Amino acid sequence: MKKVKIFVTLRESILDPQGSAVKSSLTKIGYSEVKDLRIGKYLELTIGDTDRDIDTLVKEMCEKVLTNVVIEDYRYEVEEAN
């Protein structure tokens, strides 16, 4: 079995109003050191044994269901599941 950790972020060219709002809140409560903040998603999948190539499988899932490829980028890590 494999554990897949997927990190999804908005593309740099896409405005992140949620990140801007949180950054503004942090600044207002005294954390002026924060110069930029972008919010993303974290997904964790456990995938059972398969004959399919794990990279191909993860890329297909990300591009078809788990991300919006028009406005989001993703990266992932694969490790052995316990």
Protein backbone atom coordinates (compact mmCIF):
# COMPACT_ATOMS: atom_id res chain seq x y z
CA MET A 1 0.00 0.00 0.00
CA LYS A 2 1.08 3.56 -0.67
CA LYS A 3 0.32 6.82 1.08
CA VAL A 4 0.10 9.79 -1.27
CA LYS A 5 0.31 13.35 0.06
CA ILE A 6 -1.04 15.91 -2.40
CA PHE A 7 -0.42 19.64 -2.03
CA VAL A 8 -2.66 21.93 -4.09
CA THR A 9 -2.09 25.68 -4.52
CA LEU A 10 -3.55 28.40 -6.66
CA ARG A 11 -1.35 29.33 -9.59
CA GLU A 12 0.75 32.44 -8.99
CA SER A 13 -1.26 34.38 -11.59
CA ILE A 14 -4.54 33.73 -9.73
CA LEU A 15 -5.63 36.14 -7.00
CA ASP A 16 -6.07 34.54 -3.57
CA PRO A 17 -8.68 36.61 -1.69
CA GLN A 18 -8.80 34.14 1.19
CA GLY A 19 -5.03 34.37 1.63
CA SER A 20 -5.20 38.17 1.46
CA ALA A 21 -7.90 38.26 4.14
CA VAL A 22 -5.91 36.03 6.49
CA LYS A 23 -2.72 38.06 5.88
CA SER A 24 -4.64 41.24 6.68
CA SER A 25 -5.94 39.71 9.91
CA LEU A 26 -2.44 38.66 10.93
CA THR A 27 -1.13 42.16 10.25
CA LYS A 28 -3.91 43.72 12.33
CA ILE A 29 -3.06 41.58 15.35
CA GLY A 30 0.63 42.38 15.24
CA TYR A 31 2.25 40.02 12.77
CA SER A 32 3.48 42.63 10.29
CA GLU A 33 6.40 40.38 9.33
CA VAL A 34 4.06 38.34 7.11
CA LYS A 35 4.50 39.80 3.63
CA ASP A 36 2.43 37.32 1.62
CA LEU A 37 0.11 34.44 2.37
CA ARG A 38 -1.54 32.00 0.01
CA ILE A 39 -3.93 29.28 1.05
CA GLY A 40 -4.05 25.82 -0.50
CA LYS A 41 -5.35 22.33 0.11
CA TYR A 42 -3.75 19.18 1.47
CA LEU A 43 -5.09 15.75 0.56
CA GLU A 44 -3.89 12.39 1.79
CA LEU A 45 -4.76 9.17 -0.03
CA THR A 46 -4.03 5.57 0.84
CA ILE A 47 -3.86 3.46 -2.28
CA GLY A 48 -3.98 -0.32 -2.17
CA ASP A 49 -1.68 -2.57 -4.12
CA THR A 50 -2.16 -2.13 -7.85
CA ASP A 51 -0.50 -3.13 -11.10
CA ARG A 52 -1.01 0.41 -12.38
CA ASP A 53 1.84 2.92 -12.28
CA ILE A 54 1.33 4.97 -9.11
CA ASP A 55 2.51 8.24 -10.70
CA THR A 56 0.14 7.84 -13.63
CA LEU A 57 -2.71 6.96 -11.27
CA VAL A 58 -2.14 9.99 -9.02
CA LYS A 59 -1.76 12.39 -11.95
CA GLU A 60 -4.99 11.13 -13.51
CA MET A 61 -6.90 11.56 -10.24
CA CYS A 62 -5.49 15.04 -9.70
CA GLU A 63 -6.22 16.23 -13.20
CA LYS A 64 -9.70 14.70 -13.46
CA VAL A 65 -11.15 15.18 -9.96
CA LEU A 66 -8.92 16.47 -7.17
CA THR A 67 -7.74 19.78 -8.66
CA ASN A 68 -8.91 22.46 -11.03
CA VAL A 69 -6.04 22.41 -13.52
CA VAL A 70 -7.07 25.78 -14.96
CA ILE A 71 -6.30 27.69 -11.75
CA GLU A 72 -4.44 25.26 -9.47
CA ASP A 73 -1.04 23.59 -9.40
CA TYR A 74 -0.28 20.43 -7.48
CA ARG A 75 2.63 18.35 -6.32
CA TYR A 76 2.63 15.07 -4.50
CA GLU A 77 4.78 12.68 -2.50
CA VAL A 78 4.43 8.91 -2.44
CA GLU A 79 5.57 6.82 0.50
CA GLU A 80 4.98 3.35 1.87
CA ALA A 81 1.90 3.11 4.09
CA ASN A 82 2.11 1.29 7.39
